[in-house]
Amino acid sequence: MEIKVIKTEEDYNSALMRLEEIFDAPVNSPDGDEAELLTVLIEKYEEEHYPIEAPDPIEAIRFRMEQMNMNKKDLAEVIGYKSRVSEILSRKRKLSLNMIRQLHKKLRIPYDSLLNEY
């Protein structure tokens, strides 16, 4: 087991290939320990070099609506304004603080997604 910090794309690709080889190794075995360490190193490298930005609020709402099989009428029950749902989803109206709170509470959309600029 030769593990080193992932500094380059070549190191990253090598680590991914090695992890693929030992991915199903038993826990608390030498290969299992190596897989766990490689996972941590790969995640750290990916966070630094391939960050995933939070979606804009409207995309987050649309995604959650799709996950929960919601329609615009269902969303109106969450934010309290039937007439505003279309305006919000078409980006003609901004979310109010109260709407953000309700979306977070009832749909479990993270605040950091709802507070992004759009």
C-alpha atoms as a PDB file:
ATOM      1  CA  MET A   1       0.000   0.000   0.000  1.00  0.00           C
ATOM      2  CA  GLU A   2       1.696   3.126  -1.273  1.00  0.00           C
ATOM      3  CA  ILE A   3      -0.586   6.094  -0.708  1.00  0.00           C
ATOM      4  CA  LYS A   4       0.418   9.673  -1.396  1.00  0.00           C
ATOM      5  CA  VAL A   5      -1.312  13.013  -1.582  1.00  0.00           C
ATOM      6  CA  ILE A   6      -3.049  13.590  -4.910  1.00  0.00           C
ATOM      7  CA  LYS A   7      -1.450  16.644  -6.496  1.00  0.00           C
ATOM      8  CA  THR A   8      -1.858  16.176 -10.238  1.00  0.00           C
ATOM      9  CA  GLU A   9      -4.447  14.901 -12.680  1.00  0.00           C
ATOM     10  CA  GLU A  10      -2.205  11.886 -13.269  1.00  0.00           C
ATOM     11  CA  ASP A  11      -2.161  11.131  -9.525  1.00  0.00           C
ATOM     12  CA  TYR A  12      -5.931  11.520  -9.486  1.00  0.00           C
ATOM     13  CA  ASN A  13      -6.482   9.095 -12.370  1.00  0.00           C
ATOM     14  CA  SER A  14      -4.108   6.565 -10.805  1.00  0.00           C
ATOM     15  CA  ALA A  15      -5.946   6.795  -7.502  1.00  0.00           C
ATOM     16  CA  LEU A  16      -9.300   6.262  -9.246  1.00  0.00           C
ATOM     17  CA  MET A  17      -7.977   3.197 -11.065  1.00  0.00           C
ATOM     18  CA  ARG A  18      -6.553   1.733  -7.863  1.00  0.00           C
ATOM     19  CA  LEU A  19      -9.775   2.404  -5.966  1.00  0.00           C
ATOM     20  CA  GLU A  20     -11.727   0.625  -8.674  1.00  0.00           C
ATOM     21  CA  GLU A  21      -9.488  -2.437  -8.205  1.00  0.00           C
ATOM     22  CA  ILE A  22      -9.970  -2.624  -4.427  1.00  0.00           C
ATOM     23  CA  PHE A  23     -13.423  -1.090  -4.063  1.00  0.00           C
ATOM     24  CA  ASP A  24     -15.076  -4.283  -2.789  1.00  0.00           C
ATOM     25  CA  ALA A  25     -12.302  -5.135  -0.323  1.00  0.00           C
ATOM     26  CA  PRO A  26     -13.446  -6.257   3.127  1.00  0.00           C
ATOM     27  CA  VAL A  27     -13.565  -3.598   5.841  1.00  0.00           C
ATOM     28  CA  ASN A  28     -10.592  -3.655   8.232  1.00  0.00           C
ATOM     29  CA  SER A  29      -8.397  -5.465   5.720  1.00  0.00           C
ATOM     30  CA  PRO A  30      -5.258  -3.878   4.248  1.00  0.00           C
ATOM     31  CA  ASP A  31      -7.048  -3.268   0.933  1.00  0.00           C
ATOM     32  CA  GLY A  32     -10.145  -2.021   2.764  1.00  0.00           C
ATOM     33  CA  ASP A  33      -8.037   0.497   4.689  1.00  0.00           C
ATOM     34  CA  GLU A  34      -6.340   1.581   1.472  1.00  0.00           C
ATOM     35  CA  ALA A  35      -9.728   2.046  -0.220  1.00  0.00           C
ATOM     36  CA  GLU A  36     -10.929   4.205   2.658  1.00  0.00           C
ATOM     37  CA  LEU A  37      -7.821   6.410   2.513  1.00  0.00           C
ATOM     38  CA  LEU A  38      -8.000   6.723  -1.264  1.00  0.00           C
ATOM     39  CA  THR A  39     -11.647   7.753  -1.010  1.00  0.00           C
ATOM     40  CA  VAL A  40     -10.752  10.592   1.351  1.00  0.00           C
ATOM     41  CA  LEU A  41      -7.897  11.771  -0.867  1.00  0.00           C
ATOM     42  CA  ILE A  42     -10.000  11.586  -4.034  1.00  0.00           C
ATOM     43  CA  GLU A  43     -12.854  13.525  -2.411  1.00  0.00           C
ATOM     44  CA  LYS A  44     -10.454  16.242  -1.275  1.00  0.00           C
ATOM     45  CA  TYR A  45      -8.925  16.549  -4.742  1.00  0.00           C
ATOM     46  CA  GLU A  46     -12.375  16.702  -6.370  1.00  0.00           C
ATOM     47  CA  GLU A  47     -13.591  19.383  -3.946  1.00  0.00           C
ATOM     48  CA  GLU A  48     -10.618  21.554  -4.869  1.00  0.00           C
ATOM     49  CA  HIS A  49     -10.461  20.909  -8.616  1.00  0.00           C
ATOM     50  CA  TYR A  50     -14.039  20.045  -9.583  1.00  0.00           C
ATOM     51  CA  PRO A  51     -16.291  22.031  -7.253  1.00  0.00           C
ATOM     52  CA  ILE A  52     -20.016  21.626  -7.713  1.00  0.00           C
ATOM     53  CA  GLU A  53     -21.854  24.882  -7.311  1.00  0.00           C
ATOM     54  CA  ALA A  54     -25.263  24.939  -5.713  1.00  0.00           C
ATOM     55  CA  PRO A  55     -28.052  25.290  -8.277  1.00  0.00           C
ATOM     56  CA  ASP A  56     -29.836  28.582  -8.587  1.00  0.00           C
ATOM     57  CA  PRO A  57     -33.012  28.817  -6.494  1.00  0.00           C
ATOM     58  CA  ILE A  58     -35.435  28.270  -9.359  1.00  0.00           C
ATOM     59  CA  GLU A  59     -33.616  25.155 -10.569  1.00  0.00           C
ATOM     60  CA  ALA A  60     -33.539  23.847  -6.995  1.00  0.00           C
ATOM     61  CA  ILE A  61     -37.296  24.378  -6.680  1.00  0.00           C
ATOM     62  CA  ARG A  62     -38.005  22.733 -10.042  1.00  0.00           C
ATOM     63  CA  PHE A  63     -35.793  19.775  -9.138  1.00  0.00           C
ATOM     64  CA  ARG A  64     -37.520  19.256  -5.785  1.00  0.00           C
ATOM     65  CA  MET A  65     -40.941  19.605  -7.407  1.00  0.00           C
ATOM     66  CA  GLU A  66     -39.985  16.882  -9.866  1.00  0.00           C
ATOM     67  CA  GLN A  67     -38.662  14.644  -7.085  1.00  0.00           C
ATOM     68  CA  MET A  68     -41.862  15.062  -5.100  1.00  0.00           C
ATOM     69  CA  ASN A  69     -44.204  14.851  -8.124  1.00  0.00           C
ATOM     70  CA  MET A  70     -45.509  18.336  -7.381  1.00  0.00           C
ATOM     71  CA  ASN A  71     -47.316  20.669  -9.742  1.00  0.00           C
ATOM     72  CA  LYS A  72     -47.685  24.462  -9.618  1.00  0.00           C
ATOM     73  CA  LYS A  73     -50.828  24.191  -7.508  1.00  0.00           C
ATOM     74  CA  ASP A  74     -48.918  22.131  -4.912  1.00  0.00           C
ATOM     75  CA  LEU A  75     -46.144  24.735  -4.880  1.00  0.00           C
ATOM     76  CA  ALA A  76     -48.711  27.484  -4.345  1.00  0.00           C
ATOM     77  CA  GLU A  77     -49.788  25.715  -1.155  1.00  0.00           C
ATOM     78  CA  VAL A  78     -46.186  25.878   0.067  1.00  0.00           C
ATOM     79  CA  ILE A  79     -45.407  29.496  -0.701  1.00  0.00           C
ATOM     80  CA  GLY A  80     -48.937  30.791  -0.198  1.00  0.00           C
ATOM     81  CA  TYR A  81     -49.385  32.716  -3.425  1.00  0.00           C
ATOM     82  CA  LYS A  82     -51.189  30.999  -6.304  1.00  0.00           C
ATOM     83  CA  SER A  83     -50.760  33.985  -8.582  1.00  0.00           C
ATOM     84  CA  ARG A  84     -47.026  34.220  -7.941  1.00  0.00           C
ATOM     85  CA  VAL A  85     -45.909  30.675  -8.738  1.00  0.00           C
ATOM     86  CA  SER A  86     -45.693  31.260 -12.498  1.00  0.00           C
ATOM     87  CA  GLU A  87     -43.937  34.589 -11.980  1.00  0.00           C
ATOM     88  CA  ILE A  88     -41.381  32.971  -9.687  1.00  0.00           C
ATOM     89  CA  LEU A  89     -40.752  29.959 -11.908  1.00  0.00           C
ATOM     90  CA  SER A  90     -40.369  32.217 -14.957  1.00  0.00           C
ATOM     91  CA  ARG A  91     -37.939  34.405 -12.965  1.00  0.00           C
ATOM     92  CA  LYS A  92     -40.108  37.507 -13.224  1.00  0.00           C
ATOM     93  CA  ARG A  93     -40.466  37.790  -9.439  1.00  0.00           C
ATOM     94  CA  LYS A  94     -37.897  37.171  -6.709  1.00  0.00           C
ATOM     95  CA  LEU A  95     -38.508  34.897  -3.744  1.00  0.00           C
ATOM     96  CA  SER A  96     -39.446  36.682  -0.541  1.00  0.00           C
ATOM     97  CA  LEU A  97     -37.829  35.792   2.770  1.00  0.00           C
ATOM     98  CA  ASN A  98     -41.046  34.128   3.915  1.00  0.00           C
ATOM     99  CA  MET A  99     -41.192  32.040   0.720  1.00  0.00           C
ATOM    100  CA  ILE A 100     -37.582  30.940   1.245  1.00  0.00           C
ATOM    101  CA  ARG A 101     -38.387  29.884   4.799  1.00  0.00           C
ATOM    102  CA  GLN A 102     -41.423  27.887   3.668  1.00  0.00           C
ATOM    103  CA  LEU A 103     -39.534  26.200   0.825  1.00  0.00           C
ATOM    104  CA  HIS A 104     -36.799  25.213   3.232  1.00  0.00           C
ATOM    105  CA  LYS A 105     -39.193  23.990   5.892  1.00  0.00           C
ATOM    106  CA  LYS A 106     -41.709  22.133   3.730  1.00  0.00           C
ATOM    107  CA  LEU A 107     -39.589  21.004   0.774  1.00  0.00           C
ATOM    108  CA  ARG A 108     -36.276  20.715   2.606  1.00  0.00           C
ATOM    109  CA  ILE A 109     -34.419  22.780   0.025  1.00  0.00           C
ATOM    110  CA  PRO A 110     -31.164  24.002   1.592  1.00  0.00           C
ATOM    111  CA  TYR A 111     -30.990  27.700   2.397  1.00  0.00           C
ATOM    112  CA  ASP A 112     -27.715  28.072   0.491  1.00  0.00           C
ATOM    113  CA  SER A 113     -29.509  27.000  -2.709  1.00  0.00           C
ATOM    114  CA  LEU A 114     -32.469  29.301  -2.108  1.00  0.00           C
ATOM    115  CA  LEU A 115     -30.334  32.334  -1.274  1.00  0.00           C
ATOM    116  CA  ASN A 116     -28.148  32.211  -4.410  1.00  0.00           C
ATOM    117  CA  GLU A 117     -28.460  34.995  -6.967  1.00  0.00           C
ATOM    118  CA  TYR A 118     -30.532  34.313 -10.056  1.00  0.00           C
END
